Amino acid sequence: MALALRMNFLRTKASGEKGVSSEVKAALKIPLGLLVLLGVGIGVTVYSGHLLGNKVPKPMPVARAKETTAPSLALSPAPPRFDVPVYYRDKVVALMFHNIDPTYQGRGTITPETFEADVKALVEKGYNVITAEQLVSFLEGKTQVPPNAVVITFDDGYKGTYLYAFPVLEKYRVPATVFLIGSFINHHPNFLTWEEVREMARSGLVTFGGHTYDLHKGVPIDPHTTSPATVARIYDFQMGKSETAEAYHARVLEDSLKEQELFRQEIGKTSPFFAYPYGAYTPELDRALKEAGYSYFFTTLHGANCYGQDPHHIFRINAGAPWITPEKLLQEIRAAALGTSGPRKFPPNYIPKWTQKPIKSSQSHRQPKVRRG
């Protein structure tokens, strides 16, 4: 199955359009008034690039596939602001949220009112919310970022992302990236549907990344210990031994290819972005993820991001706990940025282990409450 998925993915990456593209044909039918508006938007983009001291960057080399979603008039994120108090330059702080829910339950859940207050505080205090694409372009030295730059991310793909966070993103025109657990989408009432994912994607404000298809769970690594399925070699109780390195690689690769294929089918393109479940990673995991088409990995390691660090691993700070007020969030952002004087090295791996009753390898992680990570 992994081979078939991989071949499908590689054919998608290798395919290209010939002749006049459907986008060009569609553009020829755009009314004159709209073309004028588009021209103004292009002028603003070029002007912004001039202010940044760089040419307007070329599009990121993201794997492309045939568009499957209906065309829509998309919003563009609010332009960067430079007439603001400067708290830090040449750094980006990535914010990690999980669930937004008015019932206010769980250490990874905040209320809709708190999330809107967070975004409002960011905007009013002069922070520039940029896209994940802009972040990695900056880390690779292709472009600069405005002062006080932050990125908003959501892990897991909870329903609250659509019901409560998305309207706030539209209201303030700020972008975000949502990392999805593929097997949960369309199959759990507390998580998103693909139609909701497509609507957010069409908005022009929300991009999506992987959070595994069905490996966001713990698996046994011995009779008494569990560890994240993405980094663990599953212990076989009957055989009394763990899976081989080859079996581990095949399992993780198949899961990653399956999620990328879902992205291609449901939103028209694969994703270069991946967030590690529980923050766990190893070189072996990265190898499988890259083979499946992922390039940029969001960690749970605390800190700001700056040019010179490994551009493929992204620091984040927790922003989605109920005890983090908007004032506390702004303090945490500034502390992370000012506490990062230069590029930091990432540890070679991070493997959390939980001493508890093991989870059988045959169990599916489909409970409403996902262990935050």
Protein backbone atom coordinates (compact mmCIF):
# COMPACT_ATOMS: atom_id res chain seq x y z
CA MET A 1 0.00 0.00 0.00
CA ALA A 2 2.86 2.35 0.89
CA LEU A 3 4.45 1.78 -2.53
CA ALA A 4 1.19 2.57 -4.35
CA LEU A 5 0.64 5.74 -2.37
CA ARG A 6 4.23 6.83 -2.92
CA MET A 7 3.99 6.31 -6.69
CA ASN A 8 0.74 8.32 -6.78
CA PHE A 9 2.40 11.11 -4.80
CA LEU A 10 5.50 11.16 -7.02
CA ARG A 11 3.35 11.25 -10.17
CA THR A 12 1.49 14.24 -8.75
CA LYS A 13 4.74 16.12 -8.03
CA ALA A 14 6.16 15.29 -11.45
CA SER A 15 3.10 16.33 -13.45
CA GLY A 16 2.96 19.82 -14.92
CA GLU A 17 0.48 21.91 -16.89
CA LYS A 18 0.92 22.32 -20.67
CA GLY A 19 -0.37 25.10 -22.83
CA VAL A 20 -2.68 27.71 -21.43
CA SER A 21 -3.59 26.83 -17.85
CA SER A 22 -7.13 26.85 -16.51
CA GLU A 23 -6.09 29.69 -14.20
CA VAL A 24 -5.11 31.85 -17.17
CA LYS A 25 -8.37 31.05 -18.97
CA ALA A 26 -10.31 31.97 -15.86
CA ALA A 27 -8.35 35.21 -15.54
CA LEU A 28 -9.41 36.25 -19.04
CA LYS A 29 -13.02 36.22 -17.86
CA ILE A 30 -12.44 38.49 -14.86
CA PRO A 31 -14.33 41.82 -15.14
CA LEU A 32 -12.25 44.91 -15.78
CA GLY A 33 -13.10 46.43 -12.38
CA LEU A 34 -11.77 43.41 -10.57
CA LEU A 35 -8.59 43.49 -12.63
CA VAL A 36 -8.04 47.06 -11.49
CA LEU A 37 -8.43 46.02 -7.88
CA LEU A 38 -5.99 43.17 -8.44
CA GLY A 39 -3.53 45.64 -9.90
CA VAL A 40 -3.74 47.79 -6.80
CA GLY A 41 -3.13 44.72 -4.63
CA ILE A 42 -0.04 43.81 -6.64
CA GLY A 43 1.24 47.35 -6.20
CA VAL A 44 0.81 47.12 -2.45
CA THR A 45 2.69 43.82 -2.41
CA VAL A 46 5.60 45.25 -4.37
CA TYR A 47 5.67 48.33 -2.14
CA SER A 48 5.73 46.12 0.95
CA GLY A 49 8.63 44.16 -0.52
CA HIS A 50 10.46 47.44 -1.11
CA LEU A 51 9.97 48.44 2.51
CA LEU A 52 11.34 45.08 3.61
CA GLY A 53 14.51 45.84 1.65
CA ASN A 54 14.11 42.84 -0.61
CA LYS A 55 12.56 41.94 -3.90
CA VAL A 56 9.19 40.28 -3.69
CA PRO A 57 10.00 36.61 -2.97
CA LYS A 58 9.20 33.91 -5.47
CA PRO A 59 6.55 31.37 -4.45
CA MET A 60 7.73 28.61 -2.12
CA PRO A 61 8.52 25.29 -3.87
CA VAL A 62 5.48 23.45 -2.52
CA ALA A 63 4.34 20.20 -4.14
CA ARG A 64 1.40 20.95 -6.41
CA ALA A 65 -1.54 18.90 -7.55
CA LYS A 66 -4.70 19.38 -9.56
CA GLU A 67 -7.07 21.80 -7.80
CA THR A 68 -10.18 20.04 -6.53
CA THR A 69 -11.88 22.86 -4.64
CA ALA A 70 -14.25 25.37 -6.16
CA PRO A 71 -12.79 28.83 -6.88
CA SER A 72 -13.55 31.49 -4.30
CA LEU A 73 -12.80 35.13 -3.68
CA ALA A 74 -10.10 34.80 -1.03
CA LEU A 75 -9.09 37.28 1.60
CA SER A 76 -5.48 38.33 1.84
CA PRO A 77 -3.81 38.74 5.22
CA ALA A 78 -3.56 42.30 6.48
CA PRO A 79 -0.40 44.01 5.13
CA PRO A 80 2.57 44.28 7.51
CA ARG A 81 2.82 47.40 9.62
CA PHE A 82 6.06 49.24 10.25
CA ASP A 83 4.78 52.30 12.15
CA VAL A 84 4.58 50.28 15.37
CA PRO A 85 6.63 49.98 18.57
CA VAL A 86 9.47 47.57 17.80
CA TYR A 87 9.87 44.84 20.41
CA TYR A 88 12.20 42.68 18.29
CA ARG A 89 13.47 42.37 14.72
CA ASP A 90 14.61 39.54 12.47
CA LYS A 91 12.90 36.92 14.61
CA VAL A 92 9.61 35.05 14.44
CA VAL A 93 7.69 33.60 17.37
CA ALA A 94 5.34 30.73 16.44
CA LEU A 95 2.30 30.37 18.70
CA MET A 96 0.83 26.94 19.43
CA PHE A 97 -2.90 26.64 20.09
CA HIS A 98 -5.01 23.49 20.33
CA ASN A 99 -8.74 23.68 21.03
CA ILE A 100 -11.17 26.61 21.19
CA ASP A 101 -14.36 25.77 23.08
CA PRO A 102 -16.85 27.73 25.20
CA THR A 103 -17.12 24.86 27.69
CA TYR A 104 -13.56 25.70 28.79
CA GLN A 105 -12.34 22.19 29.59
CA GLY A 106 -8.81 20.89 29.40
CA ARG A 107 -5.36 22.38 29.76
CA GLY A 108 -5.10 22.78 25.99
CA THR A 109 -8.47 24.51 25.57
CA ILE A 110 -9.33 28.20 25.73
CA THR A 111 -12.63 30.00 25.25
CA PRO A 112 -13.58 31.85 22.05
CA GLU A 113 -13.50 35.11 24.04
CA THR A 114 -9.93 34.45 25.14
CA PHE A 115 -8.78 33.65 21.61
CA GLU A 116 -10.32 36.81 20.18
CA ALA A 117 -8.77 38.83 23.01
CA ASP A 118 -5.38 37.27 22.15
CA VAL A 119 -5.65 38.19 18.46
CA LYS A 120 -6.98 41.66 19.24
CA ALA A 121 -4.05 42.27 21.61
CA LEU A 122 -1.57 41.14 18.95
CA VAL A 123 -3.05 43.50 16.37
CA GLU A 124 -3.50 46.49 18.67
CA LYS A 125 -0.01 46.19 20.20
CA GLY A 126 1.73 46.17 16.84
CA TYR A 127 2.51 42.51 16.20
CA ASN A 128 2.63 41.33 12.58
CA VAL A 129 1.00 37.94 12.05
CA ILE A 130 2.70 36.29 9.07
CA THR A 131 2.16 32.98 7.27
CA ALA A 132 4.08 29.75 7.76
CA GLU A 133 5.34 30.18 4.18
CA GLN A 134 6.80 33.58 5.07
CA LEU A 135 8.42 32.09 8.16
CA VAL A 136 10.28 29.33 6.32
CA SER A 137 11.22 31.70 3.48
CA PHE A 138 12.82 33.96 6.10
CA LEU A 139 14.64 31.06 7.78
CA GLU A 140 16.05 30.01 4.40
CA GLY A 141 17.36 33.53 3.78
CA LYS A 142 15.03 34.27 0.86
CA THR A 143 13.23 37.25 2.38
CA GLN A 144 12.96 39.39 5.48
CA VAL A 145 10.13 39.63 7.98
CA PRO A 146 8.48 42.70 9.51
CA PRO A 147 9.19 43.61 13.14
CA ASN A 148 7.32 41.79 15.91
CA ALA A 149 6.56 38.84 13.61
CA VAL A 150 4.43 35.96 14.91
CA VAL A 151 2.87 32.85 13.35
CA ILE A 152 -0.38 31.30 14.59
CA THR A 153 -0.71 27.51 14.55
CA PHE A 154 -3.34 25.02 15.73
CA ASP A 155 -2.64 21.36 16.43
CA ASP A 156 -5.04 18.43 15.95
CA GLY A 157 -7.86 19.98 13.88
CA TYR A 158 -10.57 20.44 16.48
CA LYS A 159 -14.05 21.58 15.44
CA GLY A 160 -13.52 24.76 17.47
CA THR A 161 -10.89 25.85 14.96
CA TYR A 162 -13.67 26.32 12.41
CA LEU A 163 -16.52 27.37 14.71
CA TYR A 164 -14.68 29.89 16.88
CA ALA A 165 -11.14 30.62 15.64
CA PHE A 166 -11.84 30.99 11.91
CA PRO A 167 -14.34 33.89 12.30
CA VAL A 168 -11.73 35.75 14.37
CA LEU A 169 -9.05 35.15 11.74
CA GLU A 170 -11.40 36.58 9.10
CA LYS A 171 -12.37 39.55 11.26
CA TYR A 172 -8.77 40.63 11.85
CA ARG A 173 -7.39 39.26 8.54
CA VAL A 174 -4.66 37.23 10.21
CA PRO A 175 -3.36 33.94 8.76
CA ALA A 176 -2.93 30.62 10.55
CA THR A 177 -1.78 27.06 9.93
CA VAL A 178 -3.79 24.08 11.17
CA PHE A 179 -2.19 20.64 11.61
CA LEU A 180 -4.68 17.83 11.02
CA ILE A 181 -4.97 14.28 12.33
CA GLY A 182 -6.20 12.81 9.07
CA SER A 183 -8.20 9.85 10.41
CA PHE A 184 -10.23 12.16 12.66
CA ILE A 185 -11.46 14.43 9.86
CA ASN A 186 -15.06 13.58 8.89
CA HIS A 187 -15.08 10.78 11.48
CA HIS A 188 -15.38 12.50 14.84
CA PRO A 189 -17.90 15.12 15.98
CA ASN A 190 -15.28 17.06 17.94
CA PHE A 191 -13.05 17.45 14.89
CA LEU A 192 -13.29 19.17 11.52
CA THR A 193 -14.97 17.92 8.37
CA TRP A 194 -13.30 18.15 4.97
CA GLU A 195 -15.91 20.65 3.83
CA GLU A 196 -14.91 22.91 6.74
CA VAL A 197 -11.26 22.41 5.85
CA ARG A 198 -11.94 23.36 2.23
CA GLU A 199 -13.88 26.47 3.24
CA MET A 200 -11.00 27.67 5.41
CA ALA A 201 -8.49 26.87 2.67
CA ARG A 202 -10.49 28.87 0.12
CA SER A 203 -10.46 31.88 2.46
CA GLY A 204 -6.81 32.58 1.68
CA LEU A 205 -6.06 32.84 5.40
CA VAL A 206 -5.65 29.23 6.51
CA THR A 207 -3.11 26.66 5.38
CA PHE A 208 -2.94 23.06 6.52
CA GLY A 209 -0.24 20.65 7.59
CA GLY A 210 0.08 17.08 8.76
CA HIS A 211 -0.17 15.77 12.31
CA THR A 212 -0.15 12.12 11.14
CA TYR A 213 -3.02 10.17 9.64
CA ASP A 214 -3.50 7.76 12.56
CA LEU A 215 -0.31 7.81 14.66
CA HIS A 216 -1.29 10.46 17.20
CA LYS A 217 -1.31 7.94 20.06
CA GLY A 218 0.88 6.03 22.44
CA VAL A 219 2.12 2.51 21.74
CA PRO A 220 3.96 0.02 23.98
CA ILE A 221 7.74 -0.07 23.78
CA ASP A 222 8.05 -2.65 26.58
CA PRO A 223 5.59 -4.30 29.00
CA HIS A 224 5.46 -1.21 31.23
CA THR A 225 6.13 1.85 29.05
CA THR A 226 4.44 3.65 26.18
CA SER A 227 5.81 6.24 23.79
CA PRO A 228 4.49 8.21 20.78
CA ALA A 229 3.74 5.94 17.83
CA THR A 230 5.70 8.23 15.50
CA VAL A 231 9.03 7.57 17.24
CA ALA A 232 8.53 4.20 18.95
CA ARG A 233 9.21 0.71 17.71
CA ILE A 234 6.09 -1.14 18.79
CA TYR A 235 6.60 -3.95 21.28
CA ASP A 236 5.00 -7.27 20.31
CA PHE A 237 3.80 -9.00 23.48
CA GLN A 238 3.40 -12.39 21.81
CA MET A 239 6.86 -12.35 20.23
CA GLY A 240 8.47 -10.61 23.19
CA LYS A 241 10.37 -8.14 21.00
CA SER A 242 10.04 -4.79 19.22
CA GLU A 243 9.44 -4.20 15.52
CA THR A 244 12.48 -3.88 13.29
CA ALA A 245 13.83 -0.59 11.96
CA GLU A 246 12.54 -1.55 8.53
CA ALA A 247 9.05 -2.27 9.83
CA TYR A 248 9.01 1.01 11.77
CA HIS A 249 10.03 3.00 8.68
CA ALA A 250 7.41 1.31 6.50
CA ARG A 251 4.67 1.97 9.08
CA VAL A 252 5.46 5.67 9.49
CA LEU A 253 5.97 6.21 5.76
CA GLU A 254 2.66 4.55 4.91
CA ASP A 255 0.83 6.74 7.44
CA SER A 256 2.51 9.90 6.11
CA LEU A 257 1.79 9.08 2.48
CA LYS A 258 -1.82 8.34 3.35
CA GLU A 259 -2.28 11.79 4.89
CA GLN A 260 -0.57 13.51 1.96
CA GLU A 261 -2.86 11.65 -0.43
CA LEU A 262 -5.85 12.87 1.59
CA PHE A 263 -4.61 16.45 1.27
CA ARG A 264 -4.22 16.02 -2.48
CA GLN A 265 -7.71 14.60 -2.87
CA GLU A 266 -9.54 16.95 -0.50
CA ILE A 267 -7.83 20.34 -0.88
CA GLY A 268 -5.99 19.91 -4.15
CA LYS A 269 -2.39 19.86 -2.97
CA THR A 270 -0.05 18.18 -0.55
CA SER A 271 1.55 20.04 2.35
CA PRO A 272 5.19 20.78 3.20
CA PHE A 273 4.33 21.38 6.89
CA PHE A 274 4.16 18.86 9.73
CA ALA A 275 3.76 19.23 13.50
CA TYR A 276 5.26 16.51 15.69
CA PRO A 277 2.64 14.80 17.90
CA TYR A 278 3.69 15.34 21.54
CA GLY A 279 6.70 17.21 20.16
CA ALA A 280 8.48 13.88 19.65
CA TYR A 281 11.00 13.50 16.85
CA THR A 282 14.02 11.48 15.75
CA PRO A 283 16.21 11.48 12.63
CA GLU A 284 14.42 8.28 11.57
CA LEU A 285 11.03 10.00 11.75
CA ASP A 286 12.31 12.99 9.78
CA ARG A 287 13.62 10.66 7.09
CA ALA A 288 10.21 9.07 6.58
CA LEU A 289 8.41 12.42 6.66
CA LYS A 290 10.72 13.90 4.03
CA GLU A 291 10.21 10.84 1.85
CA ALA A 292 6.47 11.55 2.01
CA GLY A 293 6.93 15.17 0.93
CA TYR A 294 7.06 17.06 4.24
CA SER A 295 9.87 19.60 4.59
CA TYR A 296 9.25 21.83 7.63
CA PHE A 297 8.63 20.44 11.09
CA PHE A 298 7.00 22.34 13.94
CA THR A 299 8.20 21.28 17.38
CA THR A 300 7.02 21.97 20.92
CA LEU A 301 10.47 23.27 21.89
CA HIS A 302 10.15 26.72 23.45
CA GLY A 303 11.78 29.70 21.75
CA ALA A 304 11.87 32.18 18.90
CA ASN A 305 13.09 31.48 15.36
CA CYS A 306 15.85 33.42 13.62
CA TYR A 307 17.92 33.21 10.47
CA GLY A 308 20.83 30.79 10.76
CA GLN A 309 19.01 28.04 12.62
CA ASP A 310 17.96 24.79 10.98
CA PRO A 311 15.13 26.06 8.74
CA HIS A 312 13.44 22.66 8.77
CA HIS A 313 12.70 22.67 12.51
CA ILE A 314 10.53 25.38 14.05
CA PHE A 315 10.44 26.48 17.69
CA ARG A 316 7.04 27.34 19.16
CA ILE A 317 5.64 28.67 22.42
CA ASN A 318 2.45 27.47 24.06
CA ALA A 319 -0.32 30.05 23.66
CA GLY A 320 -3.42 27.93 24.17
CA ALA A 321 -3.57 27.18 27.89
CA PRO A 322 -6.49 28.58 29.93
CA TRP A 323 -4.17 30.35 32.37
CA ILE A 324 -2.45 32.35 29.60
CA THR A 325 -4.17 35.74 29.45
CA PRO A 326 -3.60 38.13 26.52
CA GLU A 327 -1.24 40.15 28.71
CA LYS A 328 0.65 37.01 29.69
CA LEU A 329 0.85 35.93 26.05
CA LEU A 330 2.45 39.21 24.97
CA GLN A 331 4.96 38.88 27.80
CA GLU A 332 5.80 35.32 26.73
CA ILE A 333 6.29 36.40 23.11
CA ARG A 334 8.68 39.19 24.03
CA ALA A 335 10.54 36.98 26.50
CA ALA A 336 11.01 34.27 23.87
CA ALA A 337 12.23 36.77 21.27
CA LEU A 338 14.54 38.70 23.57
CA GLY A 339 15.84 35.47 25.09
CA THR A 340 16.99 34.29 21.67
CA SER A 341 20.20 36.14 20.82
CA GLY A 342 21.07 34.02 17.82
CA PRO A 343 20.40 30.73 16.05
CA ARG A 344 20.00 27.77 18.38
CA LYS A 345 20.74 24.14 17.68
CA PHE A 346 17.99 21.59 17.99
CA PRO A 347 18.59 18.47 20.09
CA PRO A 348 19.10 15.43 17.83
CA ASN A 349 15.90 13.85 19.13
CA TYR A 350 13.12 14.11 21.67
CA ILE A 351 11.31 10.95 22.79
CA PRO A 352 8.81 11.27 25.66
CA LYS A 353 8.02 8.08 27.56
CA TRP A 354 5.06 7.40 29.82
CA THR A 355 5.20 4.79 32.54
CA GLN A 356 1.69 3.40 32.67
CA LYS A 357 -0.45 0.53 31.50
CA PRO A 358 0.58 0.01 27.87
CA ILE A 359 -1.78 0.76 25.02
CA LYS A 360 -2.22 -2.29 22.81
CA SER A 361 -0.88 -1.75 19.32
CA SER A 362 -4.25 -2.75 17.84
CA GLN A 363 -6.10 0.04 19.64
CA SER A 364 -7.16 3.10 17.65
CA HIS A 365 -6.74 6.54 19.20
CA ARG A 366 -10.24 7.85 18.59
CA GLN A 367 -11.24 9.24 21.96
CA PRO A 368 -12.74 12.76 22.00
CA LYS A 369 -9.91 14.00 24.20
CA VAL A 370 -6.53 13.89 22.50
CA ARG A 371 -3.47 14.03 24.70
CA ARG A 372 -2.20 17.52 23.97
CA GLY A 373 0.77 17.58 21.66
